[in-house]
Structures are given as structure tokens and as C-alpha cells.
């Protein structure tokens, strides 16, 4: 949760703004030397992959966003944090996975990288479900970037290169990893400072139903 200023009694996010701006600047700088593979763009509009991407992107913003409103006190904040995590995380995941696969900072991006970036952020949002009301914005920023490095390393080096698994629907790569990473983060942070906020209401349950 946000820290409270002793003098003013107002909520403050500390250095979150500067850290978020720095993270975005770093990501932008890493994208500058990247190339783009446009060879498949002519057939993309007639392909079902684009429609598939639209569905996945809607699931990240609308699905997870409203699903995270199940706590009556943190509903609006959870929607905002979901959008922040998605926007930052998709960019970062595309960089990290491409670097691990290509072993180089000179990336060549295509449409599938954008789709895989959305899959990666789904793991972070699953972890976020257990951290609502316990994390500050700064902690969420760090968690997102660290978890995506671990996610991509697990996907590229262990599950794909070493074990060569066939993971239909991302059950192991996305859902199991996100769940266990979230549990580990919850155990590290400990209990919430105010357990009375760990309840739902009729409105929060209704909005959460939209996300399902």
C-alpha cells in the first residue's frame, strides 16, 4: 500500500514516477536499434492471428482488469495497476525474450513477438492477484520487470530448450509459473497490514464477474 506522509496525512507514491519514467526510457532506448520483420504483414489482415491477438489484448486489459476488482477497497486501484503492468510488461517481455532467444541486443521483431509479450504479462497478472492491497506502485514496477526476466528464462532455457515441452494453452509456462511466483512474492511480503480490507462487496463481486 502507499506510504502515508506524517506531516500532511496524504498518500504518496514516493519515487514511483521517476522510476517508471526511467524504466520507460530504458525500454525505449533498447528498442531503437531493433529491426522489424514485415514480411508477413500483407497476409496478416486475412489471418486469424490478428483476431487472436485482439482477444488476448482485451483479456489483459478488460478481463484481468475487472477480475481484480474482487476486493471492495482496492477495486479501482487494481484496474489501474493492471493497465500499468500490462503496458510496461509487454514492452519489457518482448525485449527480454528476444535477447534470450537471439543472444543479442540487436532484435528483429515481428507480430508474434507482440502476441508472446501479452502471454508473458498474463503470468505477472496472475501473480498480481495475490498481491492486491499489499504492494506499493514501486514494488509492482520492480516485481513486473523481475518476474518477466524469470518467466522468459524459465520458458526459453528450461521448458523449451531443455525439456522441449508441449504446453497446450500455456498451462505450465504461464499459469503455473504465475501462480507459484505470486505465492512466493506473497510469502516474502507477509500478511497485509489491515486484514479487514480483505473482503468483497456486492458491487466488487459484480464487476469481478465481468472479468470472468
C-alpha atoms as a PDB file:
ATOM      1  CA  UNK A   1       0.000   0.000   0.000  1.00  0.00           C
ATOM      2  CA  UNK A   2       1.070   3.606  -0.466  1.00  0.00           C
ATOM      3  CA  UNK A   3       3.016   5.217   2.319  1.00  0.00           C
ATOM      4  CA  UNK A   4       1.380   7.971   4.349  1.00  0.00           C
ATOM      5  CA  UNK A   5       3.110  11.254   4.904  1.00  0.00           C
ATOM      6  CA  UNK A   6       3.308  12.041   8.600  1.00  0.00           C
ATOM      7  CA  UNK A   7       3.078  15.777   8.017  1.00  0.00           C
ATOM      8  CA  UNK A   8       0.206  16.013   5.551  1.00  0.00           C
ATOM      9  CA  UNK A   9      -1.588  12.714   6.073  1.00  0.00           C
ATOM     10  CA  UNK A  10      -1.857  12.324   2.306  1.00  0.00           C
ATOM     11  CA  UNK A  11      -0.948   9.221   0.345  1.00  0.00           C
ATOM     12  CA  UNK A  12       2.348   9.403  -1.516  1.00  0.00           C
ATOM     13  CA  UNK A  13       3.897   7.101  -4.097  1.00  0.00           C
ATOM     14  CA  UNK A  14       7.469   8.080  -3.265  1.00  0.00           C
ATOM     15  CA  UNK A  15       9.865   7.765  -6.192  1.00  0.00           C
ATOM     16  CA  UNK A  16       7.452   5.753  -8.339  1.00  0.00           C
ATOM     17  CA  UNK A  17       7.077   8.438 -11.010  1.00  0.00           C
ATOM     18  CA  UNK A  18      10.822   8.792 -11.546  1.00  0.00           C
ATOM     19  CA  UNK A  19      11.377   5.034 -11.563  1.00  0.00           C
ATOM     20  CA  UNK A  20       8.556   4.463 -14.046  1.00  0.00           C
ATOM     21  CA  UNK A  21       9.918   7.194 -16.299  1.00  0.00           C
ATOM     22  CA  UNK A  22      13.407   5.699 -16.043  1.00  0.00           C
ATOM     23  CA  UNK A  23      12.131   2.216 -16.882  1.00  0.00           C
ATOM     24  CA  UNK A  24      10.264   3.534 -19.927  1.00  0.00           C
ATOM     25  CA  UNK A  25      13.342   5.468 -21.060  1.00  0.00           C
ATOM     26  CA  UNK A  26      15.483   2.322 -20.787  1.00  0.00           C
ATOM     27  CA  UNK A  27      12.938   0.265 -22.731  1.00  0.00           C
ATOM     28  CA  UNK A  28      12.703   2.917 -25.454  1.00  0.00           C
ATOM     29  CA  UNK A  29      16.494   3.024 -25.785  1.00  0.00           C
ATOM     30  CA  UNK A  30      16.639  -0.757 -26.180  1.00  0.00           C
ATOM     31  CA  UNK A  31      14.048  -0.605 -28.965  1.00  0.00           C
ATOM     32  CA  UNK A  32      15.962   1.993 -31.003  1.00  0.00           C
ATOM     33  CA  UNK A  33      18.382  -0.450 -32.717  1.00  0.00           C
ATOM     34  CA  UNK A  34      15.662  -3.066 -33.304  1.00  0.00           C
ATOM     35  CA  UNK A  35      14.557  -4.150 -36.771  1.00  0.00           C
ATOM     36  CA  UNK A  36      11.069  -5.209 -37.761  1.00  0.00           C
ATOM     37  CA  UNK A  37      10.160  -8.237 -39.826  1.00  0.00           C
ATOM     38  CA  UNK A  38       7.304  -7.040 -42.043  1.00  0.00           C
ATOM     39  CA  UNK A  39       7.347  -9.967 -44.441  1.00  0.00           C
ATOM     40  CA  UNK A  40       4.063 -11.355 -43.167  1.00  0.00           C
ATOM     41  CA  UNK A  41       2.175  -8.060 -42.872  1.00  0.00           C
ATOM     42  CA  UNK A  42       0.450  -8.378 -46.255  1.00  0.00           C
ATOM     43  CA  UNK A  43      -1.321 -11.563 -45.209  1.00  0.00           C
ATOM     44  CA  UNK A  44      -1.826 -10.581 -41.587  1.00  0.00           C
ATOM     45  CA  UNK A  45      -5.227  -8.922 -42.006  1.00  0.00           C
ATOM     46  CA  UNK A  46      -6.669 -12.055 -43.580  1.00  0.00           C
ATOM     47  CA  UNK A  47      -5.177 -14.275 -40.901  1.00  0.00           C
ATOM     48  CA  UNK A  48      -6.877 -15.346 -37.704  1.00  0.00           C
ATOM     49  CA  UNK A  49      -3.716 -14.442 -35.760  1.00  0.00           C
ATOM     50  CA  UNK A  50      -4.701 -10.766 -35.668  1.00  0.00           C
ATOM     51  CA  UNK A  51      -8.143 -11.575 -34.286  1.00  0.00           C
ATOM     52  CA  UNK A  52      -6.442 -13.896 -31.802  1.00  0.00           C
ATOM     53  CA  UNK A  53      -4.201 -11.031 -30.678  1.00  0.00           C
ATOM     54  CA  UNK A  54      -7.156  -8.668 -30.225  1.00  0.00           C
ATOM     55  CA  UNK A  55      -8.846 -11.240 -27.997  1.00  0.00           C
ATOM     56  CA  UNK A  56      -5.712 -11.729 -25.902  1.00  0.00           C
ATOM     57  CA  UNK A  57      -5.156  -7.970 -25.520  1.00  0.00           C
ATOM     58  CA  UNK A  58      -8.763  -7.484 -24.419  1.00  0.00           C
ATOM     59  CA  UNK A  59      -8.314 -10.255 -21.886  1.00  0.00           C
ATOM     60  CA  UNK A  60      -5.286  -8.455 -20.398  1.00  0.00           C
ATOM     61  CA  UNK A  61      -6.985  -5.067 -20.044  1.00  0.00           C
ATOM     62  CA  UNK A  62     -10.675  -5.864 -19.592  1.00  0.00           C
ATOM     63  CA  UNK A  63     -10.602  -9.472 -18.401  1.00  0.00           C
ATOM     64  CA  UNK A  64      -7.840  -9.239 -15.825  1.00  0.00           C
ATOM     65  CA  UNK A  65      -8.657  -5.596 -15.089  1.00  0.00           C
ATOM     66  CA  UNK A  66     -12.193  -6.254 -13.915  1.00  0.00           C
ATOM     67  CA  UNK A  67     -11.332  -9.640 -12.451  1.00  0.00           C
ATOM     68  CA  UNK A  68      -9.016  -7.873  -9.991  1.00  0.00           C
ATOM     69  CA  UNK A  69     -11.850  -5.779  -8.558  1.00  0.00           C
ATOM     70  CA  UNK A  70     -12.936  -8.547  -6.163  1.00  0.00           C
ATOM     71  CA  UNK A  71     -11.672  -6.593  -3.132  1.00  0.00           C
ATOM     72  CA  UNK A  72     -14.062  -3.768  -2.286  1.00  0.00           C
ATOM     73  CA  UNK A  73     -11.370  -1.358  -1.106  1.00  0.00           C
ATOM     74  CA  UNK A  74      -8.804  -1.876  -3.855  1.00  0.00           C
ATOM     75  CA  UNK A  75     -11.049  -2.306  -6.906  1.00  0.00           C
ATOM     76  CA  UNK A  76     -10.274   0.935  -8.743  1.00  0.00           C
ATOM     77  CA  UNK A  77      -6.588   0.747  -7.911  1.00  0.00           C
ATOM     78  CA  UNK A  78      -6.408  -2.823  -9.167  1.00  0.00           C
ATOM     79  CA  UNK A  79      -7.828  -1.793 -12.552  1.00  0.00           C
ATOM     80  CA  UNK A  80      -5.272   0.999 -12.869  1.00  0.00           C
ATOM     81  CA  UNK A  81      -2.380  -1.201 -11.801  1.00  0.00           C
ATOM     82  CA  UNK A  82      -3.467  -3.894 -14.251  1.00  0.00           C
ATOM     83  CA  UNK A  83      -3.244  -1.416 -17.117  1.00  0.00           C
ATOM     84  CA  UNK A  84       0.121  -0.124 -15.908  1.00  0.00           C
ATOM     85  CA  UNK A  85       1.564  -3.628 -15.552  1.00  0.00           C
ATOM     86  CA  UNK A  86       0.296  -4.603 -18.996  1.00  0.00           C
ATOM     87  CA  UNK A  87       1.635  -1.538 -20.803  1.00  0.00           C
ATOM     88  CA  UNK A  88       5.059  -1.733 -19.175  1.00  0.00           C
ATOM     89  CA  UNK A  89       5.327  -5.508 -19.124  1.00  0.00           C
ATOM     90  CA  UNK A  90       4.505  -6.222 -22.767  1.00  0.00           C
ATOM     91  CA  UNK A  91       7.316  -3.927 -23.885  1.00  0.00           C
ATOM     92  CA  UNK A  92       9.804  -5.417 -21.432  1.00  0.00           C
ATOM     93  CA  UNK A  93       8.845  -9.021 -22.169  1.00  0.00           C
ATOM     94  CA  UNK A  94       9.380  -8.563 -25.907  1.00  0.00           C
ATOM     95  CA  UNK A  95      12.898  -7.308 -25.254  1.00  0.00           C
ATOM     96  CA  UNK A  96      13.879  -9.942 -22.701  1.00  0.00           C
ATOM     97  CA  UNK A  97      12.567 -12.935 -24.671  1.00  0.00           C
ATOM     98  CA  UNK A  98      14.148 -11.773 -27.922  1.00  0.00           C
ATOM     99  CA  UNK A  99      17.512 -11.221 -26.230  1.00  0.00           C
ATOM    100  CA  UNK A 100      17.418 -14.676 -24.640  1.00  0.00           C
ATOM    101  CA  UNK A 101      16.427 -16.375 -27.890  1.00  0.00           C
ATOM    102  CA  UNK A 102      18.759 -14.440 -30.180  1.00  0.00           C
ATOM    103  CA  UNK A 103      21.597 -13.966 -27.654  1.00  0.00           C
ATOM    104  CA  UNK A 104      21.953 -10.385 -28.871  1.00  0.00           C
ATOM    105  CA  UNK A 105      20.604  -6.911 -28.132  1.00  0.00           C
ATOM    106  CA  UNK A 106      20.009  -6.432 -31.861  1.00  0.00           C
ATOM    107  CA  UNK A 107      16.421  -7.635 -32.090  1.00  0.00           C
ATOM    108  CA  UNK A 108      14.226  -8.354 -35.092  1.00  0.00           C
ATOM    109  CA  UNK A 109      10.621  -8.082 -34.017  1.00  0.00           C
ATOM    110  CA  UNK A 110       7.502  -9.415 -35.687  1.00  0.00           C
ATOM    111  CA  UNK A 111       3.817  -9.691 -34.847  1.00  0.00           C
ATOM    112  CA  UNK A 112       4.247 -12.941 -32.924  1.00  0.00           C
ATOM    113  CA  UNK A 113       6.597 -11.158 -30.502  1.00  0.00           C
ATOM    114  CA  UNK A 114       3.754  -8.797 -29.610  1.00  0.00           C
ATOM    115  CA  UNK A 115       1.474 -11.764 -29.012  1.00  0.00           C
ATOM    116  CA  UNK A 116       4.075 -13.548 -26.876  1.00  0.00           C
ATOM    117  CA  UNK A 117       4.545 -10.348 -24.877  1.00  0.00           C
ATOM    118  CA  UNK A 118       0.866 -10.428 -23.947  1.00  0.00           C
ATOM    119  CA  UNK A 119       1.158 -14.079 -22.939  1.00  0.00           C
ATOM    120  CA  UNK A 120       4.099 -13.196 -20.699  1.00  0.00           C
ATOM    121  CA  UNK A 121       2.227 -10.418 -18.944  1.00  0.00           C
ATOM    122  CA  UNK A 122      -0.597 -12.839 -18.167  1.00  0.00           C
ATOM    123  CA  UNK A 123       1.786 -14.626 -15.776  1.00  0.00           C
ATOM    124  CA  UNK A 124       2.514 -11.338 -13.987  1.00  0.00           C
ATOM    125  CA  UNK A 125      -1.186 -10.500 -13.688  1.00  0.00           C
ATOM    126  CA  UNK A 126      -1.861 -13.926 -12.199  1.00  0.00           C
ATOM    127  CA  UNK A 127       0.779 -13.191  -9.561  1.00  0.00           C
ATOM    128  CA  UNK A 128      -0.707  -9.734  -9.027  1.00  0.00           C
ATOM    129  CA  UNK A 129      -3.999 -11.323  -7.956  1.00  0.00           C
ATOM    130  CA  UNK A 130      -2.416 -12.334  -4.649  1.00  0.00           C
ATOM    131  CA  UNK A 131      -0.672  -9.010  -4.092  1.00  0.00           C
ATOM    132  CA  UNK A 132      -3.548  -6.557  -4.411  1.00  0.00           C
ATOM    133  CA  UNK A 133      -3.505  -4.165  -1.462  1.00  0.00           C
ATOM    134  CA  UNK A 134      -0.092  -5.375  -0.278  1.00  0.00           C
ATOM    135  CA  UNK A 135       2.229  -3.754  -2.841  1.00  0.00           C
ATOM    136  CA  UNK A 136       3.144  -0.156  -3.486  1.00  0.00           C
ATOM    137  CA  UNK A 137       3.357   1.050  -7.111  1.00  0.00           C
ATOM    138  CA  UNK A 138       7.147   0.988  -6.901  1.00  0.00           C
ATOM    139  CA  UNK A 139       7.129  -2.605  -5.698  1.00  0.00           C
ATOM    140  CA  UNK A 140       4.803  -3.571  -8.544  1.00  0.00           C
ATOM    141  CA  UNK A 141       7.149  -1.967 -11.073  1.00  0.00           C
ATOM    142  CA  UNK A 142      10.118  -3.931  -9.742  1.00  0.00           C
ATOM    143  CA  UNK A 143       8.058  -7.114  -9.458  1.00  0.00           C
ATOM    144  CA  UNK A 144       6.915  -6.829 -13.079  1.00  0.00           C
ATOM    145  CA  UNK A 145      10.394  -6.426 -14.505  1.00  0.00           C
ATOM    146  CA  UNK A 146      11.992  -9.090 -12.308  1.00  0.00           C
ATOM    147  CA  UNK A 147       9.221 -11.636 -12.831  1.00  0.00           C
ATOM    148  CA  UNK A 148       9.340 -11.235 -16.608  1.00  0.00           C
ATOM    149  CA  UNK A 149      13.076 -11.955 -16.623  1.00  0.00           C
ATOM    150  CA  UNK A 150      12.422 -15.121 -14.601  1.00  0.00           C
ATOM    151  CA  UNK A 151       9.438 -16.035 -16.794  1.00  0.00           C
ATOM    152  CA  UNK A 152      11.388 -15.694 -20.045  1.00  0.00           C
ATOM    153  CA  UNK A 153      14.377 -17.598 -18.648  1.00  0.00           C
ATOM    154  CA  UNK A 154      12.102 -20.411 -17.495  1.00  0.00           C
ATOM    155  CA  UNK A 155      10.299 -20.501 -20.858  1.00  0.00           C
ATOM    156  CA  UNK A 156      13.319 -20.229 -23.163  1.00  0.00           C
ATOM    157  CA  UNK A 157      16.070 -22.115 -21.337  1.00  0.00           C
ATOM    158  CA  UNK A 158      14.243 -24.724 -19.230  1.00  0.00           C
ATOM    159  CA  UNK A 159      10.813 -25.539 -20.624  1.00  0.00           C
ATOM    160  CA  UNK A 160      11.612 -25.048 -24.317  1.00  0.00           C
ATOM    161  CA  UNK A 161      15.324 -25.761 -24.844  1.00  0.00           C
ATOM    162  CA  UNK A 162      15.921 -28.269 -22.045  1.00  0.00           C
ATOM    163  CA  UNK A 163      12.610 -30.097 -21.613  1.00  0.00           C
ATOM    164  CA  UNK A 164      11.034 -29.325 -25.014  1.00  0.00           C
ATOM    165  CA  UNK A 165       7.533 -29.495 -23.516  1.00  0.00           C
ATOM    166  CA  UNK A 166       4.305 -29.251 -25.495  1.00  0.00           C
ATOM    167  CA  UNK A 167       2.314 -26.837 -23.345  1.00  0.00           C
ATOM    168  CA  UNK A 168      -1.163 -26.545 -24.813  1.00  0.00           C
ATOM    169  CA  UNK A 169      -2.830 -23.351 -23.626  1.00  0.00           C
ATOM    170  CA  UNK A 170       0.185 -22.219 -21.606  1.00  0.00           C
ATOM    171  CA  UNK A 171      -0.826 -24.203 -18.539  1.00  0.00           C
ATOM    172  CA  UNK A 172       2.743 -24.723 -17.332  1.00  0.00           C
ATOM    173  CA  UNK A 173       4.585 -21.823 -18.945  1.00  0.00           C
ATOM    174  CA  UNK A 174       2.064 -19.137 -17.982  1.00  0.00           C
ATOM    175  CA  UNK A 175      -0.438 -20.217 -15.345  1.00  0.00           C
ATOM    176  CA  UNK A 176       1.643 -22.453 -13.080  1.00  0.00           C
ATOM    177  CA  UNK A 177       4.637 -20.118 -13.168  1.00  0.00           C
ATOM    178  CA  UNK A 178       2.499 -17.072 -12.424  1.00  0.00           C
ATOM    179  CA  UNK A 179       0.699 -18.796  -9.568  1.00  0.00           C
ATOM    180  CA  UNK A 180       3.832 -20.030  -7.812  1.00  0.00           C
ATOM    181  CA  UNK A 181       5.736 -16.805  -8.354  1.00  0.00           C
ATOM    182  CA  UNK A 182       2.794 -14.931  -6.843  1.00  0.00           C
ATOM    183  CA  UNK A 183       2.699 -17.269  -3.849  1.00  0.00           C
ATOM    184  CA  UNK A 184       6.426 -16.768  -3.298  1.00  0.00           C
ATOM    185  CA  UNK A 185       6.004 -12.983  -3.504  1.00  0.00           C
ATOM    186  CA  UNK A 186       3.095 -13.119  -1.028  1.00  0.00           C
ATOM    187  CA  UNK A 187       5.143 -15.195   1.407  1.00  0.00           C
ATOM    188  CA  UNK A 188       8.025 -12.744   1.115  1.00  0.00           C
ATOM    189  CA  UNK A 189       5.871  -9.668   1.749  1.00  0.00           C
ATOM    190  CA  UNK A 190       3.969 -11.297   4.608  1.00  0.00           C
ATOM    191  CA  UNK A 191       0.448 -10.541   5.782  1.00  0.00           C
ATOM    192  CA  UNK A 192      -1.433  -7.399   4.859  1.00  0.00           C
ATOM    193  CA  UNK A 193      -1.321  -4.561   7.379  1.00  0.00           C
ATOM    194  CA  UNK A 194      -5.117  -4.440   7.571  1.00  0.00           C
ATOM    195  CA  UNK A 195      -6.878  -7.770   7.077  1.00  0.00           C
ATOM    196  CA  UNK A 196     -10.302  -6.125   7.452  1.00  0.00           C
ATOM    197  CA  UNK A 197      -9.899  -4.849   3.881  1.00  0.00           C
ATOM    198  CA  UNK A 198      -9.593  -8.417   2.628  1.00  0.00           C
ATOM    199  CA  UNK A 199     -13.317  -8.649   1.887  1.00  0.00           C
ATOM    200  CA  UNK A 200     -15.628  -8.209  -1.067  1.00  0.00           C
ATOM    201  CA  UNK A 201     -18.924  -6.449  -1.583  1.00  0.00           C
ATOM    202  CA  UNK A 202     -21.873  -6.869  -3.925  1.00  0.00           C
ATOM    203  CA  UNK A 203     -20.503  -4.256  -6.335  1.00  0.00           C
ATOM    204  CA  UNK A 204     -16.958  -5.638  -6.313  1.00  0.00           C
ATOM    205  CA  UNK A 205     -18.227  -9.148  -6.951  1.00  0.00           C
ATOM    206  CA  UNK A 206     -20.387  -7.859  -9.799  1.00  0.00           C
ATOM    207  CA  UNK A 207     -17.511  -6.075 -11.501  1.00  0.00           C
ATOM    208  CA  UNK A 208     -15.269  -9.086 -10.927  1.00  0.00           C
ATOM    209  CA  UNK A 209     -17.859 -11.210 -12.709  1.00  0.00           C
ATOM    210  CA  UNK A 210     -17.362  -9.056 -15.818  1.00  0.00           C
ATOM    211  CA  UNK A 211     -13.722 -10.071 -15.881  1.00  0.00           C
ATOM    212  CA  UNK A 212     -14.513 -13.751 -15.928  1.00  0.00           C
END
